Amino acid sequence: MADQPITKPQAALPTDTTPVPIDDTPPPAGPVANLASSLVTAAVGAAAIALSIVLGTGTPAQPGPGLWPLAVGVVVLVLSAAQLVVGRRGGDGETFTRASWMALWGFASLVALVALMPHVGFEIPSLLLCVLWLRVLGHERWLTTLVTSVAVVAGFYLVFVGALGTAIPHLI
């Protein structure tokens, strides 16, 4: 009997190890919030259409600077109108929360990018935009933010200035 090893009693293992899902989604927004968001996006689409016409749309053979903004504005306006009809039932849209403000910050940063580009080129505003989106809105680490931001701006420079020779304002 002395040759047999001493064993400790085994704890009973649980039979079901499936993780319990956590439901942390906000409650549905409801028809009033869906109506409001549809009206806001419709206004943005209408503004894009109006501004693109001011820029000059040209023709499909000789496109002007407002042609693509016109196309995007029309798509946004049509989708907003569809949401006005379909979204009245409430659907699965989420209520506005603190996280909803991130979309507003993203939009505001794009407006700032467009406003700064004619004055300082696209490199600095694009770098700042990437840093804002990755670090502040995306909560990435600083190393990831800086490396990715520089790589993105360098990639855009190589494609649009180097390879395509576009007439966007740039520093170099």
C-alpha atoms as a PDB file:
ATOM      1  CA  MET A   1       0.000   0.000   0.000  1.00  0.00           C
ATOM      2  CA  ALA A   2       2.890   2.348   0.528  1.00  0.00           C
ATOM      3  CA  ASP A   3       3.762   2.233  -3.190  1.00  0.00           C
ATOM      4  CA  GLN A   4       0.484   3.801  -4.325  1.00  0.00           C
ATOM      5  CA  PRO A   5       0.590   7.590  -4.907  1.00  0.00           C
ATOM      6  CA  ILE A   6      -1.656   9.829  -2.876  1.00  0.00           C
ATOM      7  CA  THR A   7      -4.214  11.539  -5.097  1.00  0.00           C
ATOM      8  CA  LYS A   8      -6.181  14.644  -4.360  1.00  0.00           C
ATOM      9  CA  PRO A   9      -9.927  14.622  -4.936  1.00  0.00           C
ATOM     10  CA  GLN A  10     -10.913  16.158  -8.295  1.00  0.00           C
ATOM     11  CA  ALA A  11     -13.323  19.084  -8.346  1.00  0.00           C
ATOM     12  CA  ALA A  12     -16.450  18.493 -10.350  1.00  0.00           C
ATOM     13  CA  LEU A  13     -16.210  20.201 -13.752  1.00  0.00           C
ATOM     14  CA  PRO A  14     -19.222  22.186 -14.938  1.00  0.00           C
ATOM     15  CA  THR A  15     -21.172  20.416 -17.637  1.00  0.00           C
ATOM     16  CA  ASP A  16     -22.016  23.541 -19.676  1.00  0.00           C
ATOM     17  CA  THR A  17     -19.147  25.947 -20.385  1.00  0.00           C
ATOM     18  CA  THR A  18     -20.987  28.079 -22.956  1.00  0.00           C
ATOM     19  CA  PRO A  19     -20.452  31.792 -22.195  1.00  0.00           C
ATOM     20  CA  VAL A  20     -23.558  33.723 -21.283  1.00  0.00           C
ATOM     21  CA  PRO A  21     -24.188  36.493 -23.836  1.00  0.00           C
ATOM     22  CA  ILE A  22     -24.304  40.037 -22.508  1.00  0.00           C
ATOM     23  CA  ASP A  23     -26.923  42.257 -24.088  1.00  0.00           C
ATOM     24  CA  ASP A  24     -25.598  45.813 -23.820  1.00  0.00           C
ATOM     25  CA  THR A  25     -27.341  47.269 -26.856  1.00  0.00           C
ATOM     26  CA  PRO A  26     -29.446  50.367 -26.308  1.00  0.00           C
ATOM     27  CA  PRO A  27     -33.223  50.038 -26.559  1.00  0.00           C
ATOM     28  CA  PRO A  28     -34.897  50.694 -29.933  1.00  0.00           C
ATOM     29  CA  ALA A  29     -35.190  54.351 -30.904  1.00  0.00           C
ATOM     30  CA  GLY A  30     -38.827  54.427 -31.942  1.00  0.00           C
ATOM     31  CA  PRO A  31     -40.638  56.194 -34.760  1.00  0.00           C
ATOM     32  CA  VAL A  32     -39.918  59.807 -33.682  1.00  0.00           C
ATOM     33  CA  ALA A  33     -36.150  59.278 -33.589  1.00  0.00           C
ATOM     34  CA  ASN A  34     -36.255  57.413 -36.915  1.00  0.00           C
ATOM     35  CA  LEU A  35     -38.239  60.289 -38.452  1.00  0.00           C
ATOM     36  CA  ALA A  36     -35.769  62.866 -37.104  1.00  0.00           C
ATOM     37  CA  SER A  37     -32.701  60.984 -38.313  1.00  0.00           C
ATOM     38  CA  SER A  38     -34.284  60.479 -41.752  1.00  0.00           C
ATOM     39  CA  LEU A  39     -35.033  64.193 -42.033  1.00  0.00           C
ATOM     40  CA  VAL A  40     -31.467  65.103 -41.029  1.00  0.00           C
ATOM     41  CA  THR A  41     -29.918  62.773 -43.605  1.00  0.00           C
ATOM     42  CA  ALA A  42     -32.381  64.024 -46.244  1.00  0.00           C
ATOM     43  CA  ALA A  43     -31.243  67.584 -45.492  1.00  0.00           C
ATOM     44  CA  VAL A  44     -27.599  66.527 -45.839  1.00  0.00           C
ATOM     45  CA  GLY A  45     -28.385  64.858 -49.186  1.00  0.00           C
ATOM     46  CA  ALA A  46     -30.250  67.942 -50.429  1.00  0.00           C
ATOM     47  CA  ALA A  47     -27.369  70.197 -49.356  1.00  0.00           C
ATOM     48  CA  ALA A  48     -24.899  67.946 -51.178  1.00  0.00           C
ATOM     49  CA  ILE A  49     -27.014  68.171 -54.334  1.00  0.00           C
ATOM     50  CA  ALA A  50     -27.258  71.972 -54.110  1.00  0.00           C
ATOM     51  CA  LEU A  51     -23.535  72.421 -53.457  1.00  0.00           C
ATOM     52  CA  SER A  52     -22.567  70.025 -56.243  1.00  0.00           C
ATOM     53  CA  ILE A  53     -24.639  72.015 -58.716  1.00  0.00           C
ATOM     54  CA  VAL A  54     -22.820  75.172 -57.589  1.00  0.00           C
ATOM     55  CA  LEU A  55     -19.504  73.407 -58.210  1.00  0.00           C
ATOM     56  CA  GLY A  56     -20.620  72.390 -61.694  1.00  0.00           C
ATOM     57  CA  THR A  57     -21.449  68.821 -62.593  1.00  0.00           C
ATOM     58  CA  GLY A  58     -20.335  68.817 -66.201  1.00  0.00           C
ATOM     59  CA  THR A  59     -21.328  65.841 -68.325  1.00  0.00           C
ATOM     60  CA  PRO A  60     -20.474  62.156 -68.063  1.00  0.00           C
ATOM     61  CA  ALA A  61     -17.963  62.643 -70.893  1.00  0.00           C
ATOM     62  CA  GLN A  62     -16.452  65.765 -69.278  1.00  0.00           C
ATOM     63  CA  PRO A  63     -17.253  65.453 -65.548  1.00  0.00           C
ATOM     64  CA  GLY A  64     -17.065  68.541 -63.387  1.00  0.00           C
ATOM     65  CA  PRO A  65     -15.989  68.661 -59.737  1.00  0.00           C
ATOM     66  CA  GLY A  66     -19.593  68.373 -58.555  1.00  0.00           C
ATOM     67  CA  LEU A  67     -20.545  65.213 -60.461  1.00  0.00           C
ATOM     68  CA  TRP A  68     -19.640  62.656 -57.782  1.00  0.00           C
ATOM     69  CA  PRO A  69     -20.980  64.774 -54.912  1.00  0.00           C
ATOM     70  CA  LEU A  70     -24.220  65.033 -56.922  1.00  0.00           C
ATOM     71  CA  ALA A  71     -24.401  61.260 -57.298  1.00  0.00           C
ATOM     72  CA  VAL A  72     -23.747  60.705 -53.589  1.00  0.00           C
ATOM     73  CA  GLY A  73     -26.282  63.394 -52.636  1.00  0.00           C
ATOM     74  CA  VAL A  74     -28.957  61.765 -54.788  1.00  0.00           C
ATOM     75  CA  VAL A  75     -28.274  58.350 -53.224  1.00  0.00           C
ATOM     76  CA  VAL A  76     -28.428  59.814 -49.700  1.00  0.00           C
ATOM     77  CA  LEU A  77     -31.677  61.647 -50.499  1.00  0.00           C
ATOM     78  CA  VAL A  78     -33.312  58.555 -52.011  1.00  0.00           C
ATOM     79  CA  LEU A  79     -32.252  56.343 -49.078  1.00  0.00           C
ATOM     80  CA  SER A  80     -33.499  58.968 -46.619  1.00  0.00           C
ATOM     81  CA  ALA A  81     -36.865  59.081 -48.375  1.00  0.00           C
ATOM     82  CA  ALA A  82     -37.075  55.292 -48.215  1.00  0.00           C
ATOM     83  CA  GLN A  83     -36.246  55.411 -44.513  1.00  0.00           C
ATOM     84  CA  LEU A  84     -39.000  57.990 -44.000  1.00  0.00           C
ATOM     85  CA  VAL A  85     -41.505  55.464 -45.335  1.00  0.00           C
ATOM     86  CA  VAL A  86     -40.086  52.269 -43.813  1.00  0.00           C
ATOM     87  CA  GLY A  87     -38.750  53.739 -40.574  1.00  0.00           C
ATOM     88  CA  ARG A  88     -42.096  54.943 -39.261  1.00  0.00           C
ATOM     89  CA  ARG A  89     -42.696  51.564 -37.663  1.00  0.00           C
ATOM     90  CA  GLY A  90     -39.701  52.043 -35.385  1.00  0.00           C
ATOM     91  CA  GLY A  91     -37.602  49.131 -36.568  1.00  0.00           C
ATOM     92  CA  ASP A  92     -34.404  48.133 -34.815  1.00  0.00           C
ATOM     93  CA  GLY A  93     -32.744  51.557 -34.798  1.00  0.00           C
ATOM     94  CA  GLU A  94     -30.963  52.395 -31.566  1.00  0.00           C
ATOM     95  CA  THR A  95     -31.639  55.347 -29.313  1.00  0.00           C
ATOM     96  CA  PHE A  96     -29.111  58.145 -29.251  1.00  0.00           C
ATOM     97  CA  THR A  97     -26.512  57.598 -26.539  1.00  0.00           C
ATOM     98  CA  ARG A  98     -23.160  59.128 -25.635  1.00  0.00           C
ATOM     99  CA  ALA A  99     -21.572  56.905 -28.285  1.00  0.00           C
ATOM    100  CA  SER A 100     -23.808  58.528 -30.919  1.00  0.00           C
ATOM    101  CA  TRP A 101     -21.784  61.719 -30.591  1.00  0.00           C
ATOM    102  CA  MET A 102     -18.821  59.927 -32.193  1.00  0.00           C
ATOM    103  CA  ALA A 103     -20.600  60.112 -35.549  1.00  0.00           C
ATOM    104  CA  LEU A 104     -20.985  63.870 -35.112  1.00  0.00           C
ATOM    105  CA  TRP A 105     -17.272  64.213 -34.274  1.00  0.00           C
ATOM    106  CA  GLY A 106     -16.421  62.158 -37.348  1.00  0.00           C
ATOM    107  CA  PHE A 107     -18.566  64.387 -39.578  1.00  0.00           C
ATOM    108  CA  ALA A 108     -17.194  67.581 -38.020  1.00  0.00           C
ATOM    109  CA  SER A 109     -13.631  66.359 -38.556  1.00  0.00           C
ATOM    110  CA  LEU A 110     -14.360  65.731 -42.246  1.00  0.00           C
ATOM    111  CA  VAL A 111     -15.712  69.279 -42.560  1.00  0.00           C
ATOM    112  CA  ALA A 112     -12.518  70.569 -40.918  1.00  0.00           C
ATOM    113  CA  LEU A 113     -10.425  68.482 -43.337  1.00  0.00           C
ATOM    114  CA  VAL A 114     -12.187  70.014 -46.329  1.00  0.00           C
ATOM    115  CA  ALA A 115     -11.839  73.523 -44.867  1.00  0.00           C
ATOM    116  CA  LEU A 116      -8.108  73.151 -44.150  1.00  0.00           C
ATOM    117  CA  MET A 117      -7.020  71.414 -47.367  1.00  0.00           C
ATOM    118  CA  PRO A 118      -6.949  74.496 -49.637  1.00  0.00           C
ATOM    119  CA  HIS A 119      -4.781  76.367 -47.126  1.00  0.00           C
ATOM    120  CA  VAL A 120      -2.247  73.786 -45.894  1.00  0.00           C
ATOM    121  CA  GLY A 121      -2.556  70.901 -48.347  1.00  0.00           C
ATOM    122  CA  PHE A 122      -3.993  67.489 -47.650  1.00  0.00           C
ATOM    123  CA  GLU A 123      -1.076  65.946 -45.747  1.00  0.00           C
ATOM    124  CA  ILE A 124      -1.397  67.712 -42.365  1.00  0.00           C
ATOM    125  CA  PRO A 125      -5.227  67.670 -42.150  1.00  0.00           C
ATOM    126  CA  SER A 126      -5.310  64.035 -43.276  1.00  0.00           C
ATOM    127  CA  LEU A 127      -2.719  63.065 -40.675  1.00  0.00           C
ATOM    128  CA  LEU A 128      -4.685  64.882 -37.959  1.00  0.00           C
ATOM    129  CA  LEU A 129      -7.923  63.241 -39.148  1.00  0.00           C
ATOM    130  CA  CYS A 130      -6.370  59.772 -38.976  1.00  0.00           C
ATOM    131  CA  VAL A 131      -4.992  60.439 -35.493  1.00  0.00           C
ATOM    132  CA  LEU A 132      -8.374  61.725 -34.304  1.00  0.00           C
ATOM    133  CA  TRP A 133     -10.281  58.788 -35.743  1.00  0.00           C
ATOM    134  CA  LEU A 134      -7.856  56.106 -34.589  1.00  0.00           C
ATOM    135  CA  ARG A 135      -6.837  57.412 -31.160  1.00  0.00           C
ATOM    136  CA  VAL A 136      -9.836  59.418 -29.969  1.00  0.00           C
ATOM    137  CA  LEU A 137     -12.770  57.752 -31.701  1.00  0.00           C
ATOM    138  CA  GLY A 138     -11.262  54.271 -32.113  1.00  0.00           C
ATOM    139  CA  HIS A 139      -9.297  54.105 -28.821  1.00  0.00           C
ATOM    140  CA  GLU A 140      -6.245  52.597 -30.527  1.00  0.00           C
ATOM    141  CA  ARG A 141      -2.800  52.605 -28.892  1.00  0.00           C
ATOM    142  CA  TRP A 142      -0.463  55.486 -29.747  1.00  0.00           C
ATOM    143  CA  LEU A 143       1.986  53.315 -31.681  1.00  0.00           C
ATOM    144  CA  THR A 144      -0.779  51.836 -33.827  1.00  0.00           C
ATOM    145  CA  THR A 145      -2.302  55.282 -34.323  1.00  0.00           C
ATOM    146  CA  LEU A 146       0.912  56.965 -35.437  1.00  0.00           C
ATOM    147  CA  VAL A 147       2.172  54.179 -37.698  1.00  0.00           C
ATOM    148  CA  THR A 148      -1.220  53.710 -39.361  1.00  0.00           C
ATOM    149  CA  SER A 149      -1.796  57.454 -39.785  1.00  0.00           C
ATOM    150  CA  VAL A 150       1.567  58.039 -41.455  1.00  0.00           C
ATOM    151  CA  ALA A 151       1.081  54.974 -43.675  1.00  0.00           C
ATOM    152  CA  VAL A 152      -2.401  56.080 -44.764  1.00  0.00           C
ATOM    153  CA  VAL A 153      -1.282  59.622 -45.647  1.00  0.00           C
ATOM    154  CA  ALA A 154       1.788  58.290 -47.474  1.00  0.00           C
ATOM    155  CA  GLY A 155      -0.400  55.841 -49.381  1.00  0.00           C
ATOM    156  CA  PHE A 156      -2.833  58.571 -50.419  1.00  0.00           C
ATOM    157  CA  TYR A 157       0.077  60.757 -51.487  1.00  0.00           C
ATOM    158  CA  LEU A 158       1.626  58.001 -53.594  1.00  0.00           C
ATOM    159  CA  VAL A 159      -1.678  57.138 -55.275  1.00  0.00           C
ATOM    160  CA  PHE A 160      -3.251  60.541 -55.843  1.00  0.00           C
ATOM    161  CA  VAL A 161      -0.227  62.825 -56.263  1.00  0.00           C
ATOM    162  CA  GLY A 162       2.446  60.409 -57.464  1.00  0.00           C
ATOM    163  CA  ALA A 163       0.582  57.898 -59.618  1.00  0.00           C
ATOM    164  CA  LEU A 164      -2.534  59.797 -60.728  1.00  0.00           C
ATOM    165  CA  GLY A 165      -1.137  63.334 -60.704  1.00  0.00           C
ATOM    166  CA  THR A 166      -4.354  64.834 -59.331  1.00  0.00           C
ATOM    167  CA  ALA A 167      -4.626  68.539 -58.657  1.00  0.00           C
ATOM    168  CA  ILE A 168      -5.286  68.344 -54.943  1.00  0.00           C
ATOM    169  CA  PRO A 169      -3.469  70.853 -52.744  1.00  0.00           C
ATOM    170  CA  HIS A 170      -0.345  69.303 -51.212  1.00  0.00           C
ATOM    171  CA  LEU A 171       2.769  70.514 -49.437  1.00  0.00           C
ATOM    172  CA  ILE A 172       5.426  68.490 -51.212  1.00  0.00           C
END
